[in-house]
Amino acid sequence: MSTDQNRLPERLQEIVEEFEWSEGREKVELLIDYAGRMPEMPAEIRQQPDQCEPVEECMTPVSLFAEYLNNRMTFYFDVPPESPTVRGLAAIMAEGLSGSAPEEVLSIPRDFYQPMGLEQVLTMQRLNGFTAILAHMKRLAAQAMERKS
């Protein structure tokens, strides 16, 4: 694998390993479990949709908001509940990167998910959406770094 797993924040690494150890249908069930655990986007953010960034590359409507406080990032997603796979992917990213410094977000390899084995249970289109979500998160992390300097 080309992914350097040592560069992942601790919680994201744990999630990757959790999927790596699961097999077949368990991966889908785990993804659905993450979808169910994804917190709602805070009402104050939802009420100002211009603060959210759409992830245009996703077929499912995905909106992303990044909060930057004390050199740490928190990401919030809005994904329809009727799209549990995409919601699960967004939840993985939100949970896995919560509390990460912008530099940590920027260092994540675009193929970090390879060891998860998601290509066994998801279409390439979904995996491309996963990569697009990460790209948007990285852009927001870079913007946060620019604002602090």
Protein backbone atom coordinates (compact mmCIF):
# COMPACT_ATOMS: atom_id res chain seq x y z
CA MET A 1 0.00 0.00 0.00
CA SER A 2 1.16 3.51 -0.75
CA THR A 3 -0.60 4.96 2.29
CA ASP A 4 1.66 6.00 5.15
CA GLN A 5 -0.63 5.14 8.05
CA ASN A 6 1.74 6.72 10.57
CA ARG A 7 0.61 10.12 9.30
CA LEU A 8 -3.00 9.68 10.39
CA PRO A 9 -4.43 11.31 13.50
CA GLU A 10 -4.98 8.70 16.22
CA ARG A 11 -8.77 8.45 15.99
CA LEU A 12 -8.74 8.22 12.19
CA GLN A 13 -6.11 5.48 12.44
CA GLU A 14 -8.37 3.56 14.84
CA ILE A 15 -11.28 3.84 12.41
CA VAL A 16 -9.13 2.63 9.51
CA GLU A 17 -8.05 -0.39 11.57
CA GLU A 18 -11.64 -1.10 12.63
CA PHE A 19 -12.65 -1.40 8.96
CA GLU A 20 -9.46 -3.26 8.07
CA TRP A 21 -10.32 -5.98 10.59
CA SER A 22 -13.93 -6.32 9.43
CA GLU A 23 -14.92 -8.50 6.49
CA GLY A 24 -17.43 -8.24 3.66
CA ARG A 25 -20.89 -7.27 4.85
CA GLU A 26 -19.46 -6.20 8.24
CA LYS A 27 -17.85 -3.23 6.46
CA VAL A 28 -21.26 -2.04 5.21
CA GLU A 29 -22.80 -2.54 8.65
CA LEU A 30 -19.97 -0.58 10.24
CA LEU A 31 -20.43 2.22 7.72
CA ILE A 32 -24.17 2.34 8.49
CA ASP A 33 -23.34 2.41 12.19
CA TYR A 34 -21.14 5.49 11.66
CA ALA A 35 -23.96 7.09 9.65
CA GLY A 36 -26.29 6.67 12.61
CA ARG A 37 -23.78 8.24 14.98
CA MET A 38 -23.12 11.34 12.89
CA PRO A 39 -24.13 14.39 14.91
CA GLU A 40 -26.56 16.89 13.43
CA MET A 41 -25.08 20.07 12.06
CA PRO A 42 -25.60 22.76 14.74
CA ALA A 43 -28.76 24.81 14.15
CA GLU A 44 -26.88 28.12 14.05
CA ILE A 45 -24.83 26.82 11.11
CA ARG A 46 -27.83 25.28 9.32
CA GLN A 47 -29.62 28.62 9.56
CA GLN A 48 -26.79 30.27 7.63
CA PRO A 49 -26.30 27.93 4.66
CA ASP A 50 -23.86 30.36 3.02
CA GLN A 51 -21.38 29.33 5.74
CA CYS A 52 -21.49 25.73 4.51
CA GLU A 53 -19.51 24.51 1.56
CA PRO A 54 -21.14 22.04 -0.81
CA VAL A 55 -19.06 19.08 -1.94
CA GLU A 56 -20.04 19.36 -5.60
CA GLU A 57 -18.27 16.16 -6.63
CA CYS A 58 -20.67 14.05 -4.59
CA MET A 59 -23.88 12.85 -6.25
CA THR A 60 -25.55 13.04 -2.83
CA PRO A 61 -25.97 16.57 -1.44
CA VAL A 62 -23.14 17.00 1.06
CA SER A 63 -22.45 20.27 2.88
CA LEU A 64 -19.42 20.86 5.04
CA PHE A 65 -18.59 23.46 7.67
CA ALA A 66 -15.24 23.77 9.43
CA GLU A 67 -14.72 25.41 12.79
CA TYR A 68 -11.22 26.47 13.79
CA LEU A 69 -10.53 27.16 17.47
CA ASN A 70 -7.30 26.92 19.47
CA ASN A 71 -5.41 25.49 16.48
CA ARG A 72 -7.88 22.60 16.22
CA MET A 73 -10.41 21.79 13.52
CA THR A 74 -13.95 20.53 13.98
CA PHE A 75 -15.91 19.51 10.90
CA TYR A 76 -19.68 19.40 10.60
CA PHE A 77 -21.56 17.72 7.76
CA ASP A 78 -25.07 17.86 6.48
CA VAL A 79 -25.93 14.69 4.55
CA PRO A 80 -29.49 13.41 4.04
CA PRO A 81 -30.37 10.46 6.30
CA GLU A 82 -31.65 8.58 3.23
CA SER A 83 -28.02 8.38 2.02
CA PRO A 84 -26.53 6.21 4.77
CA THR A 85 -23.39 5.22 2.86
CA VAL A 86 -22.33 8.79 2.13
CA ARG A 87 -23.45 9.85 5.59
CA GLY A 88 -21.24 7.10 7.04
CA LEU A 89 -18.24 8.28 5.02
CA ALA A 90 -18.77 11.86 6.19
CA ALA A 91 -19.20 10.68 9.79
CA ILE A 92 -15.90 8.81 9.60
CA MET A 93 -14.15 11.97 8.48
CA ALA A 94 -15.85 14.16 11.10
CA GLU A 95 -15.08 11.76 13.94
CA GLY A 96 -11.63 10.78 12.70
CA LEU A 97 -10.45 14.36 12.32
CA SER A 98 -12.24 16.07 15.19
CA GLY A 99 -9.69 18.00 17.20
CA SER A 100 -6.93 17.70 14.60
CA ALA A 101 -4.60 20.57 13.84
CA PRO A 102 -4.89 21.93 10.29
CA GLU A 103 -1.40 20.57 9.54
CA GLU A 104 -2.58 17.07 10.46
CA VAL A 105 -5.56 17.34 8.12
CA LEU A 106 -3.31 18.53 5.30
CA SER A 107 -0.89 15.61 5.79
CA ILE A 108 -3.50 12.89 5.25
CA PRO A 109 -2.77 10.95 2.07
CA ARG A 110 -5.64 11.02 -0.43
CA ASP A 111 -5.68 7.19 -0.47
CA PHE A 112 -5.58 6.80 3.32
CA TYR A 113 -8.73 4.63 3.16
CA GLN A 114 -7.12 1.88 1.05
CA PRO A 115 -6.45 -0.45 4.01
CA MET A 116 -10.14 -0.18 4.99
CA GLY A 117 -11.08 -2.44 2.08
CA LEU A 118 -14.04 -0.27 1.11
CA GLU A 119 -13.51 -1.01 -2.57
CA GLN A 120 -14.91 -4.48 -1.76
CA VAL A 121 -18.31 -3.03 -0.80
CA LEU A 122 -18.57 0.44 -2.38
CA THR A 123 -18.62 1.67 -5.95
CA MET A 124 -15.77 3.70 -7.36
CA GLN A 125 -18.18 6.64 -7.50
CA ARG A 126 -18.63 6.51 -3.71
CA LEU A 127 -14.89 6.22 -3.16
CA ASN A 128 -14.33 9.23 -5.42
CA GLY A 129 -16.83 11.11 -3.24
CA PHE A 130 -14.82 10.09 -0.17
CA THR A 131 -11.70 11.53 -1.77
CA ALA A 132 -13.61 14.72 -2.67
CA ILE A 133 -14.78 15.15 0.92
CA LEU A 134 -11.17 14.89 2.12
CA ALA A 135 -10.04 17.41 -0.52
CA HIS A 136 -12.63 19.93 0.71
CA MET A 137 -11.60 19.35 4.32
CA LYS A 138 -7.98 19.98 3.36
CA ARG A 139 -8.89 23.21 1.61
CA LEU A 140 -10.74 24.44 4.70
CA ALA A 141 -7.77 23.47 6.89
CA ALA A 142 -5.42 25.42 4.60
CA GLN A 143 -7.73 28.45 4.81
CA ALA A 144 -7.69 28.19 8.60
CA MET A 145 -3.87 28.17 8.57
CA GLU A 146 -3.82 31.23 6.31
CA ARG A 147 -6.11 33.12 8.69
CA LYS A 148 -3.90 32.37 11.70
CA SER A 149 -0.72 33.67 10.04
